[in-house]
Amino acid sequence: MSDETTDRPAKPVEPFSTPQMVAIEAEIAAARAELAATVDELVARADPRALAARLLGGFGQLFSAAVTGEDGPEARKRALTVLGSVAAGVLALGGLVVFAASRRGD
């Protein structure tokens, strides 16, 4: 006896789609595009050159506000306070490094 199901070739299954499947695929494609845009933005923000450029630009603007006072007395006062605080921090760090180096020499 022969089994007819094993003798005949398998019929190819044709893909089907429903409106729900199409909607889900569209949502997935939109989420994928949004994720790609977010990753690209994060990569651009984390670029060391871009970070350095933003830092130098902000410092330049702060220095300009402190020196020229074009933005008004309040902005100049704030700029001088920030620059003074940064200078004090750098001096304190330098003093700490010198102190630590002198202690290691003993």
Protein backbone atom coordinates (compact mmCIF):
# COMPACT_ATOMS: atom_id res chain seq x y z
CA MET A 1 0.00 0.00 0.00
CA SER A 2 1.25 3.43 -0.81
CA ASP A 3 0.50 6.52 1.16
CA GLU A 4 -0.69 9.32 -1.10
CA THR A 5 0.43 12.11 1.22
CA THR A 6 4.09 11.18 0.92
CA ASP A 7 4.02 10.57 -2.81
CA ARG A 8 2.83 13.96 -3.99
CA PRO A 9 5.05 17.03 -3.79
CA ALA A 10 4.41 19.58 -1.09
CA LYS A 11 2.35 22.52 -2.18
CA PRO A 12 4.18 25.83 -1.57
CA VAL A 13 2.55 27.93 1.10
CA GLU A 14 1.73 31.39 -0.14
CA PRO A 15 2.27 34.21 2.34
CA PHE A 16 -0.78 36.08 3.43
CA SER A 17 -1.32 39.34 5.22
CA THR A 18 -4.14 40.92 7.09
CA PRO A 19 -4.74 44.60 7.78
CA GLN A 20 -3.55 44.03 11.35
CA MET A 21 -0.28 42.53 10.12
CA VAL A 22 0.25 45.46 7.77
CA ALA A 23 -0.41 47.92 10.61
CA ILE A 24 2.02 46.12 12.93
CA GLU A 25 4.70 46.06 10.22
CA ALA A 26 4.20 49.81 9.67
CA GLU A 27 4.55 50.46 13.42
CA ILE A 28 7.73 48.40 13.53
CA ALA A 29 9.17 50.29 10.55
CA ALA A 30 8.32 53.64 12.17
CA ALA A 31 9.85 52.57 15.49
CA ARG A 32 12.97 51.36 13.69
CA ALA A 33 13.35 54.70 11.87
CA GLU A 34 12.83 56.65 15.11
CA LEU A 35 15.40 54.50 16.90
CA ALA A 36 17.92 55.01 14.10
CA ALA A 37 17.43 58.78 14.28
CA THR A 38 17.89 58.72 18.07
CA VAL A 39 21.09 56.68 17.80
CA ASP A 40 22.45 59.04 15.14
CA GLU A 41 21.71 62.04 17.38
CA LEU A 42 23.41 60.39 20.38
CA VAL A 43 26.48 59.56 18.30
CA ALA A 44 26.66 63.17 17.10
CA ARG A 45 26.35 64.49 20.67
CA ALA A 46 29.00 62.12 22.03
CA ASP A 47 31.56 62.97 19.35
CA PRO A 48 34.66 64.29 21.17
CA ARG A 49 35.27 66.98 18.56
CA ALA A 50 31.70 68.25 18.89
CA LEU A 51 31.96 68.21 22.69
CA ALA A 52 35.22 70.18 22.59
CA ALA A 53 33.75 72.67 20.12
CA ARG A 54 30.68 73.24 22.31
CA LEU A 55 32.85 73.61 25.40
CA LEU A 56 35.18 76.09 23.73
CA GLY A 57 32.25 77.99 22.26
CA GLY A 58 30.60 78.25 25.66
CA PHE A 59 33.87 79.33 27.28
CA GLY A 60 34.44 81.92 24.56
CA GLN A 61 30.95 83.32 25.03
CA LEU A 62 31.41 83.39 28.80
CA PHE A 63 34.80 85.11 28.48
CA SER A 64 33.34 87.64 26.03
CA ALA A 65 30.49 88.41 28.43
CA ALA A 66 32.96 88.91 31.28
CA VAL A 67 35.31 91.16 29.33
CA THR A 68 32.97 93.27 27.23
CA GLY A 69 29.85 93.33 29.37
CA GLU A 70 27.69 93.66 26.23
CA ASP A 71 24.99 91.42 27.68
CA GLY A 72 24.42 93.67 30.67
CA PRO A 73 25.75 93.92 34.20
CA GLU A 74 23.98 90.81 35.46
CA ALA A 75 25.43 88.61 32.72
CA ARG A 76 28.88 90.12 33.32
CA LYS A 77 28.64 89.46 37.05
CA ARG A 78 27.57 85.86 36.44
CA ALA A 79 30.35 85.33 33.88
CA LEU A 80 32.97 86.73 36.26
CA THR A 81 31.66 84.51 39.07
CA VAL A 82 31.83 81.40 36.90
CA LEU A 83 35.29 82.21 35.55
CA GLY A 84 36.55 82.99 39.06
CA SER A 85 35.18 79.72 40.37
CA VAL A 86 36.83 77.79 37.54
CA ALA A 87 40.15 79.55 38.16
CA ALA A 88 39.95 78.79 41.89
CA GLY A 89 39.19 75.14 41.14
CA VAL A 90 42.13 74.85 38.76
CA LEU A 91 44.46 76.46 41.31
CA ALA A 92 43.21 74.17 44.07
CA LEU A 93 43.71 71.11 41.88
CA GLY A 94 47.19 72.30 40.96
CA GLY A 95 48.04 72.83 44.63
CA LEU A 96 46.78 69.36 45.45
CA VAL A 97 48.93 67.83 42.71
CA VAL A 98 52.02 69.72 43.95
CA PHE A 99 51.31 68.68 47.53
CA ALA A 100 50.86 65.02 46.54
CA ALA A 101 54.06 65.10 44.47
CA SER A 102 56.05 66.58 47.37
CA ARG A 103 54.71 63.93 49.74
CA ARG A 104 55.75 61.14 47.39
CA GLY A 105 59.28 62.51 47.31
CA ASP A 106 59.73 61.95 51.07
